[in-house]
PDB file of all heavy atoms in Angstrom:
ATOM      1  N   ALA A   1      -1.007  15.948  22.812  1.00  0.00           N
ATOM      2  CA  ALA A   1      -2.438  16.178  22.956  1.00  0.00           C
ATOM      3  C   ALA A   1      -3.042  16.375  21.570  1.00  0.00           C
ATOM      4  O   ALA A   1      -2.329  16.696  20.608  1.00  0.00           O
ATOM      5  CB  ALA A   1      -2.697  17.410  23.822  1.00  0.00           C
ATOM      6  N   ALA A   2      -4.345  16.195  21.453  1.00  0.00           N
ATOM      7  CA  ALA A   2      -5.001  16.335  20.151  1.00  0.00           C
ATOM      8  C   ALA A   2      -4.808  17.737  19.581  1.00  0.00           C
ATOM      9  O   ALA A   2      -4.508  17.903  18.391  1.00  0.00           O
ATOM     10  CB  ALA A   2      -6.486  16.012  20.274  1.00  0.00           C
ATOM     11  N   GLY A   3      -4.972  18.753  20.427  1.00  0.00           N
ATOM     12  CA  GLY A   3      -4.804  20.126  19.954  1.00  0.00           C
ATOM     13  C   GLY A   3      -3.401  20.400  19.477  1.00  0.00           C
ATOM     14  O   GLY A   3      -3.188  21.141  18.507  1.00  0.00           O
ATOM     15  N   GLU A   4      -2.421  19.803  20.141  1.00  0.00           N
ATOM     16  CA  GLU A   4      -1.026  19.954  19.720  1.00  0.00           C
ATOM     17  C   GLU A   4      -0.806  19.322  18.353  1.00  0.00           C
ATOM     18  O   GLU A   4      -0.115  19.883  17.490  1.00  0.00           O
ATOM     19  CB  GLU A   4      -0.122  19.293  20.763  1.00  0.00           C
ATOM     20  CG  GLU A   4       1.370  19.438  20.500  1.00  0.00           C
ATOM     21  CD  GLU A   4       2.219  18.748  21.561  1.00  0.00           C
ATOM     22  OE1 GLU A   4       1.644  18.177  22.507  1.00  0.00           O
ATOM     23  OE2 GLU A   4       3.460  18.775  21.426  1.00  0.00           O
ATOM     24  N   ALA A   5      -1.409  18.152  18.131  1.00  0.00           N
ATOM     25  CA  ALA A   5      -1.299  17.486  16.833  1.00  0.00           C
ATOM     26  C   ALA A   5      -1.923  18.337  15.732  1.00  0.00           C
ATOM     27  O   ALA A   5      -1.375  18.468  14.634  1.00  0.00           O
ATOM     28  CB  ALA A   5      -1.974  16.118  16.882  1.00  0.00           C
ATOM     29  N   TYR A   6      -3.065  18.948  16.027  1.00  0.00           N
ATOM     30  CA  TYR A   6      -3.718  19.835  15.060  1.00  0.00           C
ATOM     31  C   TYR A   6      -2.794  20.998  14.689  1.00  0.00           C
ATOM     32  O   TYR A   6      -2.653  21.348  13.508  1.00  0.00           O
ATOM     33  CB  TYR A   6      -5.023  20.381  15.631  1.00  0.00           C
ATOM     34  CG  TYR A   6      -6.247  19.585  15.269  1.00  0.00           C
ATOM     35  CD1 TYR A   6      -6.684  18.540  16.078  1.00  0.00           C
ATOM     36  CD2 TYR A   6      -6.986  19.870  14.130  1.00  0.00           C
ATOM     37  CE1 TYR A   6      -7.818  17.802  15.760  1.00  0.00           C
ATOM     38  CE2 TYR A   6      -8.125  19.157  13.801  1.00  0.00           C
ATOM     39  CZ  TYR A   6      -8.536  18.113  14.615  1.00  0.00           C
ATOM     40  OH  TYR A   6      -9.660  17.396  14.280  1.00  0.00           O
ATOM     41  N   ASP A   7      -2.183  21.614  15.675  1.00  0.00           N
ATOM     42  CA  ASP A   7      -1.315  22.761  15.413  1.00  0.00           C
ATOM     43  C   ASP A   7      -0.095  22.365  14.576  1.00  0.00           C
ATOM     44  O   ASP A   7       0.328  23.110  13.682  1.00  0.00           O
ATOM     45  CB  ASP A   7      -0.864  23.398  16.731  1.00  0.00           C
ATOM     46  CG  ASP A   7      -1.962  24.208  17.400  1.00  0.00           C
ATOM     47  OD1 ASP A   7      -2.926  24.590  16.708  1.00  0.00           O
ATOM     48  OD2 ASP A   7      -1.858  24.467  18.618  1.00  0.00           O
ATOM     49  N   LYS A   8       0.463  21.194  14.861  1.00  0.00           N
ATOM     50  CA  LYS A   8       1.645  20.747  14.119  1.00  0.00           C
ATOM     51  C   LYS A   8       1.287  20.387  12.673  1.00  0.00           C
ATOM     52  O   LYS A   8       2.042  20.704  11.746  1.00  0.00           O
ATOM     53  CB  LYS A   8       2.289  19.559  14.828  1.00  0.00           C
ATOM     54  CG  LYS A   8       2.964  19.954  16.138  1.00  0.00           C
ATOM     55  CD  LYS A   8       3.570  18.765  16.860  1.00  0.00           C
ATOM     56  CE  LYS A   8       4.270  19.201  18.147  1.00  0.00           C
ATOM     57  NZ  LYS A   8       4.827  18.060  18.895  1.00  0.00           N
ATOM     58  N   VAL A   9       0.149  19.757  12.476  1.00  0.00           N
ATOM     59  CA  VAL A   9      -0.296  19.441  11.113  1.00  0.00           C
ATOM     60  C   VAL A   9      -0.619  20.723  10.357  1.00  0.00           C
ATOM     61  O   VAL A   9      -0.332  20.844   9.158  1.00  0.00           O
ATOM     62  CB  VAL A   9      -1.510  18.494  11.154  1.00  0.00           C
ATOM     63  CG1 VAL A   9      -2.189  18.418   9.790  1.00  0.00           C
ATOM     64  CG2 VAL A   9      -1.077  17.104  11.605  1.00  0.00           C
ATOM     65  N   ALA A  10      -1.188  21.697  11.043  1.00  0.00           N
ATOM     66  CA  ALA A  10      -1.481  22.981  10.399  1.00  0.00           C
ATOM     67  C   ALA A  10      -0.204  23.633   9.876  1.00  0.00           C
ATOM     68  O   ALA A  10      -0.183  24.191   8.770  1.00  0.00           O
ATOM     69  CB  ALA A  10      -2.174  23.913  11.390  1.00  0.00           C
ATOM     70  N   ARG A  11       0.868  23.546  10.650  1.00  0.00           N
ATOM     71  CA  ARG A  11       2.148  24.123  10.201  1.00  0.00           C
ATOM     72  C   ARG A  11       2.659  23.389   8.967  1.00  0.00           C
ATOM     73  O   ARG A  11       3.196  24.011   8.038  1.00  0.00           O
ATOM     74  CB  ARG A  11       3.174  24.064  11.330  1.00  0.00           C
ATOM     75  CG  ARG A  11       2.962  25.134  12.393  1.00  0.00           C
ATOM     76  CD  ARG A  11       4.201  25.336  13.242  1.00  0.00           C
ATOM     77  NE  ARG A  11       4.454  24.219  14.127  1.00  0.00           N
ATOM     78  CZ  ARG A  11       3.936  24.101  15.341  1.00  0.00           C
ATOM     79  NH1 ARG A  11       3.109  25.024  15.801  1.00  0.00           N
ATOM     80  NH2 ARG A  11       4.246  23.064  16.095  1.00  0.00           N
ATOM     81  N   VAL A  12       2.507  22.069   8.956  1.00  0.00           N
ATOM     82  CA  VAL A  12       2.937  21.276   7.790  1.00  0.00           C
ATOM     83  C   VAL A  12       2.172  21.713   6.545  1.00  0.00           C
ATOM     84  O   VAL A  12       2.733  21.782   5.436  1.00  0.00           O
ATOM     85  CB  VAL A  12       2.714  19.772   8.056  1.00  0.00           C
ATOM     86  CG1 VAL A  12       2.940  18.969   6.769  1.00  0.00           C
ATOM     87  CG2 VAL A  12       3.638  19.278   9.154  1.00  0.00           C
ATOM     88  N   LEU A  13       0.891  22.063   6.721  1.00  0.00           N
ATOM     89  CA  LEU A  13       0.050  22.454   5.591  1.00  0.00           C
ATOM     90  C   LEU A  13       0.122  23.951   5.298  1.00  0.00           C
ATOM     91  O   LEU A  13      -0.554  24.439   4.385  1.00  0.00           O
ATOM     92  CB  LEU A  13      -1.403  22.055   5.864  1.00  0.00           C
ATOM     93  CG  LEU A  13      -1.675  20.551   6.002  1.00  0.00           C
ATOM     94  CD1 LEU A  13      -3.144  20.303   6.333  1.00  0.00           C
ATOM     95  CD2 LEU A  13      -1.291  19.807   4.726  1.00  0.00           C
ATOM     96  N   GLY A  14       0.920  24.671   6.063  1.00  0.00           N
ATOM     97  CA  GLY A  14       1.078  26.106   5.828  1.00  0.00           C
ATOM     98  C   GLY A  14      -0.112  26.927   6.282  1.00  0.00           C
ATOM     99  O   GLY A  14      -0.361  28.021   5.739  1.00  0.00           O
ATOM    100  N   LEU A  15      -0.843  26.434   7.283  1.00  0.00           N
ATOM    101  CA  LEU A  15      -2.009  27.146   7.796  1.00  0.00           C
ATOM    102  C   LEU A  15      -1.629  28.023   8.984  1.00  0.00           C
ATOM    103  O   LEU A  15      -0.676  27.727   9.698  1.00  0.00           O
ATOM    104  CB  LEU A  15      -3.093  26.145   8.220  1.00  0.00           C
ATOM    105  CG  LEU A  15      -3.611  25.215   7.116  1.00  0.00           C
ATOM    106  CD1 LEU A  15      -4.595  24.199   7.693  1.00  0.00           C
ATOM    107  CD2 LEU A  15      -4.275  26.019   6.010  1.00  0.00           C
ATOM    108  N   PRO A  16      -2.361  29.095   9.232  1.00  0.00           N
ATOM    109  CA  PRO A  16      -2.028  30.024  10.314  1.00  0.00           C
ATOM    110  C   PRO A  16      -2.229  29.413  11.695  1.00  0.00           C
ATOM    111  O   PRO A  16      -2.929  28.405  11.855  1.00  0.00           O
ATOM    112  CB  PRO A  16      -2.987  31.208  10.100  1.00  0.00           C
ATOM    113  CG  PRO A  16      -3.537  31.037   8.728  1.00  0.00           C
ATOM    114  CD  PRO A  16      -3.512  29.573   8.444  1.00  0.00           C
ATOM    115  N   TYR A  17      -1.647  30.058  12.696  1.00  0.00           N
ATOM    116  CA  TYR A  17      -1.879  29.714  14.102  1.00  0.00           C
ATOM    117  C   TYR A  17      -3.071  30.511  14.618  1.00  0.00           C
ATOM    118  O   TYR A  17      -3.225  31.677  14.237  1.00  0.00           O
ATOM    119  CB  TYR A  17      -0.623  30.042  14.926  1.00  0.00           C
ATOM    120  CG  TYR A  17      -0.832  29.877  16.415  1.00  0.00           C
ATOM    121  CD1 TYR A  17      -0.678  28.633  17.007  1.00  0.00           C
ATOM    122  CD2 TYR A  17      -1.218  30.962  17.205  1.00  0.00           C
ATOM    123  CE1 TYR A  17      -0.907  28.473  18.369  1.00  0.00           C
ATOM    124  CE2 TYR A  17      -1.441  30.808  18.558  1.00  0.00           C
ATOM    125  CZ  TYR A  17      -1.280  29.566  19.140  1.00  0.00           C
ATOM    126  OH  TYR A  17      -1.505  29.415  20.477  1.00  0.00           O
ATOM    127  N   PRO A  18      -3.900  29.944  15.489  1.00  0.00           N
ATOM    128  CA  PRO A  18      -3.899  28.547  15.946  1.00  0.00           C
ATOM    129  C   PRO A  18      -4.428  27.606  14.881  1.00  0.00           C
ATOM    130  O   PRO A  18      -5.391  27.926  14.183  1.00  0.00           O
ATOM    131  CB  PRO A  18      -4.801  28.591  17.176  1.00  0.00           C
ATOM    132  CG  PRO A  18      -5.740  29.720  16.910  1.00  0.00           C
ATOM    133  CD  PRO A  18      -4.953  30.742  16.147  1.00  0.00           C
ATOM    134  N   GLY A  19      -3.802  26.435  14.767  1.00  0.00           N
ATOM    135  CA  GLY A  19      -4.079  25.572  13.633  1.00  0.00           C
ATOM    136  C   GLY A  19      -5.405  24.852  13.654  1.00  0.00           C
ATOM    137  O   GLY A  19      -5.981  24.581  12.593  1.00  0.00           O
ATOM    138  N   GLY A  20      -5.910  24.522  14.853  1.00  0.00           N
ATOM    139  CA  GLY A  20      -7.118  23.711  14.950  1.00  0.00           C
ATOM    140  C   GLY A  20      -8.299  24.218  14.148  1.00  0.00           C
ATOM    141  O   GLY A  20      -8.864  23.485  13.323  1.00  0.00           O
ATOM    142  N   PRO A  21      -8.716  25.468  14.341  1.00  0.00           N
ATOM    143  CA  PRO A  21      -9.870  25.976  13.583  1.00  0.00           C
ATOM    144  C   PRO A  21      -9.639  25.988  12.077  1.00  0.00           C
ATOM    145  O   PRO A  21     -10.575  25.758  11.301  1.00  0.00           O
ATOM    146  CB  PRO A  21     -10.041  27.401  14.126  1.00  0.00           C
ATOM    147  CG  PRO A  21      -9.411  27.384  15.478  1.00  0.00           C
ATOM    148  CD  PRO A  21      -8.260  26.435  15.358  1.00  0.00           C
ATOM    149  N   HIS A  22      -8.402  26.242  11.655  1.00  0.00           N
ATOM    150  CA  HIS A  22      -8.098  26.292  10.215  1.00  0.00           C
ATOM    151  C   HIS A  22      -8.122  24.888   9.598  1.00  0.00           C
ATOM    152  O   HIS A  22      -8.592  24.709   8.471  1.00  0.00           O
ATOM    153  CB  HIS A  22      -6.748  26.962   9.987  1.00  0.00           C
ATOM    154  CG  HIS A  22      -6.719  28.412  10.369  1.00  0.00           C
ATOM    155  ND1 HIS A  22      -7.316  29.385   9.597  1.00  0.00           N
ATOM    156  CD2 HIS A  22      -6.192  29.042  11.442  1.00  0.00           C
ATOM    157  CE1 HIS A  22      -7.142  30.567  10.173  1.00  0.00           C
ATOM    158  NE2 HIS A  22      -6.471  30.385  11.288  1.00  0.00           N
ATOM    159  N   VAL A  23      -7.614  23.891  10.341  1.00  0.00           N
ATOM    160  CA  VAL A  23      -7.680  22.511   9.852  1.00  0.00           C
ATOM    161  C   VAL A  23      -9.138  22.068   9.748  1.00  0.00           C
ATOM    162  O   VAL A  23      -9.554  21.450   8.763  1.00  0.00           O
ATOM    163  CB  VAL A  23      -6.892  21.562  10.778  1.00  0.00           C
ATOM    164  CG1 VAL A  23      -7.136  20.099  10.380  1.00  0.00           C
ATOM    165  CG2 VAL A  23      -5.405  21.870  10.719  1.00  0.00           C
ATOM    166  N   ASP A  24      -9.929  22.393  10.762  1.00  0.00           N
ATOM    167  CA  ASP A  24     -11.348  22.034  10.775  1.00  0.00           C
ATOM    168  C   ASP A  24     -12.077  22.650   9.583  1.00  0.00           C
ATOM    169  O   ASP A  24     -12.866  21.983   8.896  1.00  0.00           O
ATOM    170  CB  ASP A  24     -11.961  22.505  12.092  1.00  0.00           C
ATOM    171  CG  ASP A  24     -13.409  22.050  12.269  1.00  0.00           C
ATOM    172  OD1 ASP A  24     -13.786  21.014  11.691  1.00  0.00           O
ATOM    173  OD2 ASP A  24     -14.145  22.739  12.995  1.00  0.00           O
ATOM    174  N   LYS A  25     -11.810  23.914   9.319  1.00  0.00           N
ATOM    175  CA  LYS A  25     -12.467  24.613   8.209  1.00  0.00           C
ATOM    176  C   LYS A  25     -12.043  24.024   6.867  1.00  0.00           C
ATOM    177  O   LYS A  25     -12.879  23.777   5.989  1.00  0.00           O
ATOM    178  CB  LYS A  25     -12.115  26.098   8.255  1.00  0.00           C
ATOM    179  CG  LYS A  25     -12.757  26.927   7.154  1.00  0.00           C
ATOM    180  CD  LYS A  25     -12.387  28.400   7.288  1.00  0.00           C
ATOM    181  CE  LYS A  25     -13.024  29.227   6.173  1.00  0.00           C
ATOM    182  NZ  LYS A  25     -12.653  30.676   6.292  1.00  0.00           N
ATOM    183  N   LEU A  26     -10.733  23.786   6.690  1.00  0.00           N
ATOM    184  CA  LEU A  26     -10.236  23.236   5.427  1.00  0.00           C
ATOM    185  C   LEU A  26     -10.752  21.819   5.198  1.00  0.00           C
ATOM    186  O   LEU A  26     -11.055  21.432   4.061  1.00  0.00           O
ATOM    187  CB  LEU A  26      -8.700  23.252   5.433  1.00  0.00           C
ATOM    188  CG  LEU A  26      -7.999  22.746   4.172  1.00  0.00           C
ATOM    189  CD1 LEU A  26      -8.372  23.595   2.958  1.00  0.00           C
ATOM    190  CD2 LEU A  26      -6.476  22.748   4.379  1.00  0.00           C
ATOM    191  N   ALA A  27     -10.864  21.041   6.284  1.00  0.00           N
ATOM    192  CA  ALA A  27     -11.305  19.651   6.163  1.00  0.00           C
ATOM    193  C   ALA A  27     -12.706  19.538   5.578  1.00  0.00           C
ATOM    194  O   ALA A  27     -13.040  18.530   4.944  1.00  0.00           O
ATOM    195  CB  ALA A  27     -11.250  18.972   7.528  1.00  0.00           C
ATOM    196  N   LYS A  28     -13.525  20.557   5.754  1.00  0.00           N
ATOM    197  CA  LYS A  28     -14.889  20.534   5.227  1.00  0.00           C
ATOM    198  C   LYS A  28     -14.903  20.529   3.700  1.00  0.00           C
ATOM    199  O   LYS A  28     -15.908  20.159   3.080  1.00  0.00           O
ATOM    200  CB  LYS A  28     -15.677  21.735   5.753  1.00  0.00           C
ATOM    201  CG  LYS A  28     -15.916  21.690   7.252  1.00  0.00           C
ATOM    202  CD  LYS A  28     -16.590  22.956   7.753  1.00  0.00           C
ATOM    203  CE  LYS A  28     -16.790  22.904   9.260  1.00  0.00           C
ATOM    204  NZ  LYS A  28     -17.394  24.135   9.809  1.00  0.00           N
ATOM    205  N   GLU A  29     -13.794  20.940   3.097  1.00  0.00           N
ATOM    206  CA  GLU A  29     -13.687  20.973   1.642  1.00  0.00           C
ATOM    207  C   GLU A  29     -13.050  19.702   1.084  1.00  0.00           C
ATOM    208  O   GLU A  29     -12.946  19.546  -0.135  1.00  0.00           O
ATOM    209  CB  GLU A  29     -12.855  22.190   1.211  1.00  0.00           C
ATOM    210  CG  GLU A  29     -13.388  23.521   1.717  1.00  0.00           C
ATOM    211  CD  GLU A  29     -12.426  24.662   1.422  1.00  0.00           C
ATOM    212  OE1 GLU A  29     -11.470  24.454   0.647  1.00  0.00           O
ATOM    213  OE2 GLU A  29     -12.624  25.765   1.975  1.00  0.00           O
ATOM    214  N   GLY A  30     -12.600  18.798   1.970  1.00  0.00           N
ATOM    215  CA  GLY A  30     -11.875  17.617   1.516  1.00  0.00           C
ATOM    216  C   GLY A  30     -12.624  16.321   1.736  1.00  0.00           C
ATOM    217  O   GLY A  30     -13.729  16.282   2.271  1.00  0.00           O
ATOM    218  N   ASP A  31     -11.988  15.238   1.333  1.00  0.00           N
ATOM    219  CA  ASP A  31     -12.515  13.876   1.450  1.00  0.00           C
ATOM    220  C   ASP A  31     -11.720  13.165   2.540  1.00  0.00           C
ATOM    221  O   ASP A  31     -10.534  12.867   2.370  1.00  0.00           O
ATOM    222  CB  ASP A  31     -12.370  13.149   0.122  1.00  0.00           C
ATOM    223  CG  ASP A  31     -12.935  11.736   0.150  1.00  0.00           C
ATOM    224  OD1 ASP A  31     -13.266  11.250   1.252  1.00  0.00           O
ATOM    225  OD2 ASP A  31     -13.022  11.107  -0.921  1.00  0.00           O
ATOM    226  N   GLY A  32     -12.382  12.874   3.658  1.00  0.00           N
ATOM    227  CA  GLY A  32     -11.705  12.263   4.787  1.00  0.00           C
ATOM    228  C   GLY A  32     -11.311  10.815   4.575  1.00  0.00           C
ATOM    229  O   GLY A  32     -10.577  10.251   5.397  1.00  0.00           O
ATOM    230  N   SER A  33     -11.776  10.203   3.508  1.00  0.00           N
ATOM    231  CA  SER A  33     -11.410   8.808   3.226  1.00  0.00           C
ATOM    232  C   SER A  33     -10.341   8.700   2.140  1.00  0.00           C
ATOM    233  O   SER A  33      -9.958   7.599   1.749  1.00  0.00           O
ATOM    234  CB  SER A  33     -12.654   8.023   2.795  1.00  0.00           C
ATOM    235  OG  SER A  33     -13.181   8.544   1.575  1.00  0.00           O
ATOM    236  N   LYS A  34      -9.874   9.830   1.674  1.00  0.00           N
ATOM    237  CA  LYS A  34      -8.953   9.851   0.529  1.00  0.00           C
ATOM    238  C   LYS A  34      -7.580   9.280   0.872  1.00  0.00           C
ATOM    239  O   LYS A  34      -6.978   8.545   0.085  1.00  0.00           O
ATOM    240  CB  LYS A  34      -8.800  11.295   0.042  1.00  0.00           C
ATOM    241  CG  LYS A  34      -8.228  11.417  -1.365  1.00  0.00           C
ATOM    242  CD  LYS A  34      -9.247  11.017  -2.399  1.00  0.00           C
ATOM    243  CE  LYS A  34      -8.755  11.299  -3.815  1.00  0.00           C
ATOM    244  NZ  LYS A  34      -9.759  10.916  -4.826  1.00  0.00           N
ATOM    245  N   ILE A  35      -7.059   9.632   2.056  1.00  0.00           N
ATOM    246  CA  ILE A  35      -5.716   9.193   2.453  1.00  0.00           C
ATOM    247  C   ILE A  35      -5.855   8.286   3.673  1.00  0.00           C
ATOM    248  O   ILE A  35      -6.360   8.719   4.712  1.00  0.00           O
ATOM    249  CB  ILE A  35      -4.815  10.401   2.785  1.00  0.00           C
ATOM    250  CG1 ILE A  35      -4.815  11.382   1.608  1.00  0.00           C
ATOM    251  CG2 ILE A  35      -3.399   9.946   3.099  1.00  0.00           C
ATOM    252  CD1 ILE A  35      -4.271  12.747   1.944  1.00  0.00           C
ATOM    253  N   PRO A  36      -5.420   7.039   3.593  1.00  0.00           N
ATOM    254  CA  PRO A  36      -5.649   6.068   4.674  1.00  0.00           C
ATOM    255  C   PRO A  36      -4.653   6.206   5.823  1.00  0.00           C
ATOM    256  O   PRO A  36      -3.843   5.300   6.075  1.00  0.00           O
ATOM    257  CB  PRO A  36      -5.503   4.726   3.964  1.00  0.00           C
ATOM    258  CG  PRO A  36      -4.502   4.992   2.875  1.00  0.00           C
ATOM    259  CD  PRO A  36      -4.783   6.400   2.409  1.00  0.00           C
ATOM    260  N   PHE A  37      -4.715   7.319   6.541  1.00  0.00           N
ATOM    261  CA  PHE A  37      -3.863   7.466   7.710  1.00  0.00           C
ATOM    262  C   PHE A  37      -4.290   6.445   8.768  1.00  0.00           C
ATOM    263  O   PHE A  37      -5.477   6.221   9.009  1.00  0.00           O
ATOM    264  CB  PHE A  37      -3.960   8.882   8.288  1.00  0.00           C
ATOM    265  CG  PHE A  37      -3.338   9.933   7.415  1.00  0.00           C
ATOM    266  CD1 PHE A  37      -4.046  11.072   7.064  1.00  0.00           C
ATOM    267  CD2 PHE A  37      -2.037   9.799   6.954  1.00  0.00           C
ATOM    268  CE1 PHE A  37      -3.481  12.055   6.266  1.00  0.00           C
ATOM    269  CE2 PHE A  37      -1.456  10.766   6.145  1.00  0.00           C
ATOM    270  CZ  PHE A  37      -2.175  11.896   5.798  1.00  0.00           C
ATOM    271  N   LYS A  38      -3.305   5.853   9.416  1.00  0.00           N
ATOM    272  CA  LYS A  38      -3.550   4.780  10.387  1.00  0.00           C
ATOM    273  C   LYS A  38      -4.275   5.295  11.630  1.00  0.00           C
ATOM    274  O   LYS A  38      -3.982   6.372  12.132  1.00  0.00           O
ATOM    275  CB  LYS A  38      -2.216   4.152  10.784  1.00  0.00           C
ATOM    276  CG  LYS A  38      -2.352   2.966  11.731  1.00  0.00           C
ATOM    277  CD  LYS A  38      -0.975   2.401  12.060  1.00  0.00           C
ATOM    278  CE  LYS A  38      -1.104   1.231  13.053  1.00  0.00           C
ATOM    279  NZ  LYS A  38       0.238   0.681  13.412  1.00  0.00           N
ATOM    280  N   ARG A  39      -5.223   4.495  12.111  1.00  0.00           N
ATOM    281  CA  ARG A  39      -5.879   4.766  13.390  1.00  0.00           C
ATOM    282  C   ARG A  39      -5.049   4.100  14.489  1.00  0.00           C
ATOM    283  O   ARG A  39      -4.758   2.899  14.394  1.00  0.00           O
ATOM    284  CB  ARG A  39      -7.287   4.198  13.428  1.00  0.00           C
ATOM    285  CG  ARG A  39      -8.373   5.088  12.839  1.00  0.00           C
ATOM    286  CD  ARG A  39      -8.174   5.417  11.393  1.00  0.00           C
ATOM    287  NE  ARG A  39      -9.364   6.059  10.819  1.00  0.00           N
ATOM    288  CZ  ARG A  39      -9.340   6.772   9.706  1.00  0.00           C
ATOM    289  NH1 ARG A  39      -8.187   6.961   9.046  1.00  0.00           N
ATOM    290  NH2 ARG A  39     -10.452   7.318   9.233  1.00  0.00           N
ATOM    291  N   VAL A  40      -4.699   4.843  15.502  1.00  0.00           N
ATOM    292  CA  VAL A  40      -3.869   4.302  16.579  1.00  0.00           C
ATOM    293  C   VAL A  40      -4.769   3.940  17.758  1.00  0.00           C
ATOM    294  O   VAL A  40      -5.247   4.818  18.481  1.00  0.00           O
ATOM    295  CB  VAL A  40      -2.783   5.313  17.014  1.00  0.00           C
ATOM    296  CG1 VAL A  40      -1.932   4.732  18.129  1.00  0.00           C
ATOM    297  CG2 VAL A  40      -1.908   5.693  15.821  1.00  0.00           C
ATOM    298  N   TRP A  41      -4.958   2.642  17.971  1.00  0.00           N
ATOM    299  CA  TRP A  41      -5.855   2.182  19.034  1.00  0.00           C
ATOM    300  C   TRP A  41      -5.096   1.764  20.290  1.00  0.00           C
ATOM    301  O   TRP A  41      -5.696   1.618  21.356  1.00  0.00           O
ATOM    302  CB  TRP A  41      -6.690   1.000  18.537  1.00  0.00           C
ATOM    303  CG  TRP A  41      -7.566   1.351  17.373  1.00  0.00           C
ATOM    304  CD1 TRP A  41      -7.346   1.038  16.053  1.00  0.00           C
ATOM    305  CD2 TRP A  41      -8.789   2.086  17.406  1.00  0.00           C
ATOM    306  NE1 TRP A  41      -8.361   1.544  15.271  1.00  0.00           N
ATOM    307  CE2 TRP A  41      -9.261   2.191  16.076  1.00  0.00           C
ATOM    308  CE3 TRP A  41      -9.542   2.681  18.428  1.00  0.00           C
ATOM    309  CZ2 TRP A  41     -10.439   2.842  15.737  1.00  0.00           C
ATOM    310  CZ3 TRP A  41     -10.724   3.327  18.105  1.00  0.00           C
ATOM    311  CH2 TRP A  41     -11.161   3.410  16.773  1.00  0.00           C
TER     312      TRP A  41
END
């Protein structure tokens, strides 16, 4: 699920649980086009 992916990525980045809000907050400081992660259609 999307929320599960957020939590797992948060752990990779060393962010606290629950990961979703922390990823969202940190993302506001970054460039979303910087790393070309693949879109899965």
